[in-house]
Amino acid sequence: MPRILVKTGNVAIEHASVPVRYFESRTPRGGRRYSAEIVLGPDDRIILDDDSMITLEARVARLVPATVYSRLLARTA
């Protein structure tokens, strides 16, 4: 299934900004699915998906800061 780029944005975390790309795809039954690709580094990406763009954006806003902070903690431990 091809993905169509719907929107791009950034999630602000303290003094940094993390780029996010939002995609739309069709299911075999004709429904819509949305996914977000969060780029944390050159080889570090997170993919989230949902049935609703609004819910997906809320998940991205909540999970990206938590993921970044947990990875910072893992590096210092």
N, C-alpha and C. Protein backbone atom coordinates (compact mmCIF):
# COMPACT_ATOMS: atom_id res chain seq x y z
N MET A 1 0.82 -1.18 0.00
CA MET A 1 0.00 0.00 0.00
C MET A 1 0.88 1.26 0.00
N PRO A 2 0.66 2.13 -0.94
CA PRO A 2 1.45 3.37 -0.95
C PRO A 2 1.03 4.31 0.18
N ARG A 3 2.02 5.00 0.70
CA ARG A 3 1.75 6.01 1.72
C ARG A 3 1.82 7.39 1.08
N ILE A 4 0.92 8.27 1.49
CA ILE A 4 0.90 9.63 0.97
C ILE A 4 1.27 10.56 2.10
N LEU A 5 2.26 11.41 1.87
CA LEU A 5 2.66 12.40 2.86
C LEU A 5 1.54 13.42 3.02
N VAL A 6 1.04 13.54 4.24
CA VAL A 6 -0.09 14.43 4.51
C VAL A 6 0.36 15.72 5.18
N LYS A 7 1.37 15.60 6.05
CA LYS A 7 1.74 16.75 6.87
C LYS A 7 3.14 16.54 7.42
N THR A 8 3.86 17.62 7.64
CA THR A 8 5.13 17.56 8.34
C THR A 8 5.06 18.52 9.53
N GLY A 9 5.88 18.26 10.51
CA GLY A 9 5.90 19.12 11.68
C GLY A 9 7.09 18.82 12.55
N ASN A 10 7.11 19.45 13.71
CA ASN A 10 8.18 19.26 14.68
C ASN A 10 7.57 19.14 16.07
N VAL A 11 8.22 18.37 16.91
CA VAL A 11 7.85 18.29 18.32
C VAL A 11 8.97 18.96 19.09
N ALA A 12 8.63 20.00 19.84
CA ALA A 12 9.63 20.73 20.61
C ALA A 12 9.88 20.03 21.93
N ILE A 13 11.17 19.81 22.23
CA ILE A 13 11.58 19.20 23.49
C ILE A 13 12.70 20.06 24.05
N GLU A 14 12.39 20.81 25.09
CA GLU A 14 13.34 21.75 25.71
C GLU A 14 13.97 22.63 24.64
N HIS A 15 15.27 22.47 24.37
CA HIS A 15 15.97 23.33 23.42
C HIS A 15 16.15 22.66 22.06
N ALA A 16 15.45 21.59 21.83
CA ALA A 16 15.60 20.85 20.58
C ALA A 16 14.24 20.70 19.89
N SER A 17 14.31 20.28 18.65
CA SER A 17 13.10 20.04 17.87
C SER A 17 13.27 18.72 17.12
N VAL A 18 12.26 17.88 17.17
CA VAL A 18 12.32 16.57 16.52
C VAL A 18 11.35 16.59 15.33
N PRO A 19 11.85 16.31 14.11
CA PRO A 19 10.97 16.32 12.94
C PRO A 19 10.03 15.12 12.90
N VAL A 20 8.81 15.38 12.44
CA VAL A 20 7.78 14.34 12.32
C VAL A 20 7.13 14.46 10.94
N ARG A 21 6.95 13.31 10.29
CA ARG A 21 6.22 13.28 9.02
C ARG A 21 5.00 12.39 9.20
N TYR A 22 3.85 12.88 8.75
CA TYR A 22 2.59 12.16 8.86
C TYR A 22 2.18 11.64 7.48
N PHE A 23 1.76 10.38 7.45
CA PHE A 23 1.37 9.73 6.20
C PHE A 23 -0.05 9.17 6.32
N GLU A 24 -0.69 9.04 5.17
CA GLU A 24 -2.00 8.38 5.09
C GLU A 24 -1.88 7.21 4.13
N SER A 25 -2.52 6.11 4.47
CA SER A 25 -2.58 4.96 3.57
C SER A 25 -3.98 4.37 3.63
N ARG A 26 -4.30 3.59 2.64
CA ARG A 26 -5.61 2.92 2.57
C ARG A 26 -5.47 1.46 2.95
N THR A 27 -6.45 0.96 3.67
CA THR A 27 -6.47 -0.45 4.02
C THR A 27 -7.07 -1.22 2.85
N PRO A 28 -6.92 -2.54 2.83
CA PRO A 28 -7.52 -3.33 1.75
C PRO A 28 -9.05 -3.17 1.67
N ARG A 29 -9.68 -2.83 2.79
CA ARG A 29 -11.14 -2.63 2.78
C ARG A 29 -11.53 -1.19 2.48
N GLY A 30 -10.56 -0.33 2.18
CA GLY A 30 -10.88 1.04 1.80
C GLY A 30 -10.83 2.05 2.93
N GLY A 31 -10.50 1.61 4.13
CA GLY A 31 -10.40 2.52 5.26
C GLY A 31 -9.09 3.30 5.22
N ARG A 32 -9.00 4.26 6.08
CA ARG A 32 -7.78 5.07 6.16
C ARG A 32 -7.00 4.74 7.42
N ARG A 33 -5.68 4.71 7.29
CA ARG A 33 -4.76 4.56 8.43
C ARG A 33 -3.75 5.69 8.33
N TYR A 34 -3.37 6.19 9.48
CA TYR A 34 -2.40 7.27 9.53
C TYR A 34 -1.17 6.80 10.28
N SER A 35 -0.01 7.23 9.83
CA SER A 35 1.23 6.87 10.51
C SER A 35 2.10 8.11 10.64
N ALA A 36 2.95 8.09 11.66
CA ALA A 36 3.89 9.18 11.89
C ALA A 36 5.28 8.60 11.96
N GLU A 37 6.20 9.21 11.27
CA GLU A 37 7.61 8.81 11.30
C GLU A 37 8.36 9.91 12.04
N ILE A 38 8.91 9.56 13.18
CA ILE A 38 9.64 10.49 14.02
C ILE A 38 11.13 10.19 13.84
N VAL A 39 11.89 11.19 13.44
CA VAL A 39 13.32 11.00 13.17
C VAL A 39 14.12 11.53 14.35
N LEU A 40 14.68 10.61 15.13
CA LEU A 40 15.49 10.99 16.29
C LEU A 40 16.97 11.09 15.94
N GLY A 41 17.39 10.41 14.91
CA GLY A 41 18.78 10.43 14.48
C GLY A 41 18.89 9.81 13.10
N PRO A 42 20.10 9.78 12.53
CA PRO A 42 20.26 9.24 11.18
C PRO A 42 19.77 7.79 11.04
N ASP A 43 19.97 6.98 12.07
CA ASP A 43 19.55 5.58 12.03
C ASP A 43 18.53 5.27 13.13
N ASP A 44 17.86 6.29 13.62
CA ASP A 44 16.94 6.12 14.75
C ASP A 44 15.59 6.75 14.43
N ARG A 45 14.64 5.90 14.11
CA ARG A 45 13.30 6.36 13.75
C ARG A 45 12.25 5.61 14.56
N ILE A 46 11.16 6.29 14.82
CA ILE A 46 10.01 5.68 15.50
C ILE A 46 8.82 5.82 14.57
N ILE A 47 8.06 4.75 14.43
CA ILE A 47 6.85 4.77 13.62
C ILE A 47 5.66 4.51 14.54
N LEU A 48 4.68 5.39 14.50
CA LEU A 48 3.44 5.20 15.24
C LEU A 48 2.31 5.20 14.23
N ASP A 49 1.22 4.49 14.52
CA ASP A 49 0.08 4.53 13.62
C ASP A 49 -1.22 4.54 14.40
N ASP A 50 -2.30 4.98 13.72
CA ASP A 50 -3.61 5.10 14.35
C ASP A 50 -4.67 5.22 13.26
N ASP A 51 -5.92 5.09 13.67
CA ASP A 51 -7.04 5.24 12.74
C ASP A 51 -7.42 6.70 12.53
N SER A 52 -7.01 7.58 13.44
CA SER A 52 -7.39 8.98 13.40
C SER A 52 -6.15 9.87 13.44
N MET A 53 -6.14 10.89 12.62
CA MET A 53 -5.02 11.83 12.62
C MET A 53 -4.96 12.61 13.94
N ILE A 54 -6.08 12.98 14.47
CA ILE A 54 -6.12 13.73 15.74
C ILE A 54 -5.54 12.90 16.88
N THR A 55 -5.92 11.65 16.96
CA THR A 55 -5.40 10.78 18.01
C THR A 55 -3.91 10.51 17.81
N LEU A 56 -3.51 10.36 16.57
CA LEU A 56 -2.10 10.12 16.27
C LEU A 56 -1.25 11.32 16.69
N GLU A 57 -1.70 12.52 16.39
CA GLU A 57 -0.96 13.71 16.78
C GLU A 57 -0.85 13.82 18.30
N ALA A 58 -1.90 13.46 19.01
CA ALA A 58 -1.87 13.48 20.47
C ALA A 58 -0.87 12.44 21.00
N ARG A 59 -0.84 11.26 20.41
CA ARG A 59 0.12 10.23 20.82
C ARG A 59 1.55 10.67 20.57
N VAL A 60 1.79 11.29 19.43
CA VAL A 60 3.14 11.78 19.10
C VAL A 60 3.58 12.81 20.13
N ALA A 61 2.70 13.76 20.44
CA ALA A 61 3.04 14.82 21.40
C ALA A 61 3.35 14.24 22.78
N ARG A 62 2.71 13.14 23.14
CA ARG A 62 2.90 12.52 24.45
C ARG A 62 4.10 11.57 24.48
N LEU A 63 4.29 10.80 23.42
CA LEU A 63 5.31 9.75 23.43
C LEU A 63 6.71 10.20 23.02
N VAL A 64 6.81 11.18 22.14
CA VAL A 64 8.14 11.59 21.69
C VAL A 64 8.99 12.15 22.82
N PRO A 65 8.49 13.09 23.64
CA PRO A 65 9.33 13.55 24.76
C PRO A 65 9.72 12.43 25.71
N ALA A 66 8.79 11.53 26.01
CA ALA A 66 9.10 10.42 26.90
C ALA A 66 10.17 9.51 26.31
N THR A 67 10.11 9.27 25.02
CA THR A 67 11.11 8.43 24.36
C THR A 67 12.48 9.09 24.36
N VAL A 68 12.53 10.37 24.05
CA VAL A 68 13.81 11.08 24.03
C VAL A 68 14.44 11.08 25.42
N TYR A 69 13.65 11.39 26.45
CA TYR A 69 14.18 11.42 27.81
C TYR A 69 14.63 10.03 28.27
N SER A 70 13.89 9.00 27.93
CA SER A 70 14.29 7.65 28.35
C SER A 70 15.59 7.22 27.66
N ARG A 71 15.78 7.62 26.42
CA ARG A 71 17.04 7.28 25.72
C ARG A 71 18.20 8.07 26.30
N LEU A 72 17.97 9.29 26.72
CA LEU A 72 19.03 10.05 27.39
C LEU A 72 19.43 9.40 28.69
N LEU A 73 18.44 8.92 29.44
CA LEU A 73 18.74 8.22 30.69
C LEU A 73 19.50 6.92 30.45
N ALA A 74 19.15 6.21 29.40
CA ALA A 74 19.81 4.94 29.09
C ALA A 74 21.28 5.16 28.71
N ARG A 75 21.58 6.29 28.08
CA ARG A 75 22.97 6.58 27.70
C ARG A 75 23.83 6.91 28.90
N THR A 76 23.23 7.53 29.92
CA THR A 76 24.00 7.95 31.09
C THR A 76 24.13 6.83 32.12
N ALA A 77 23.32 5.81 32.00
CA ALA A 77 23.34 4.73 33.01
C ALA A 77 24.47 3.76 32.76
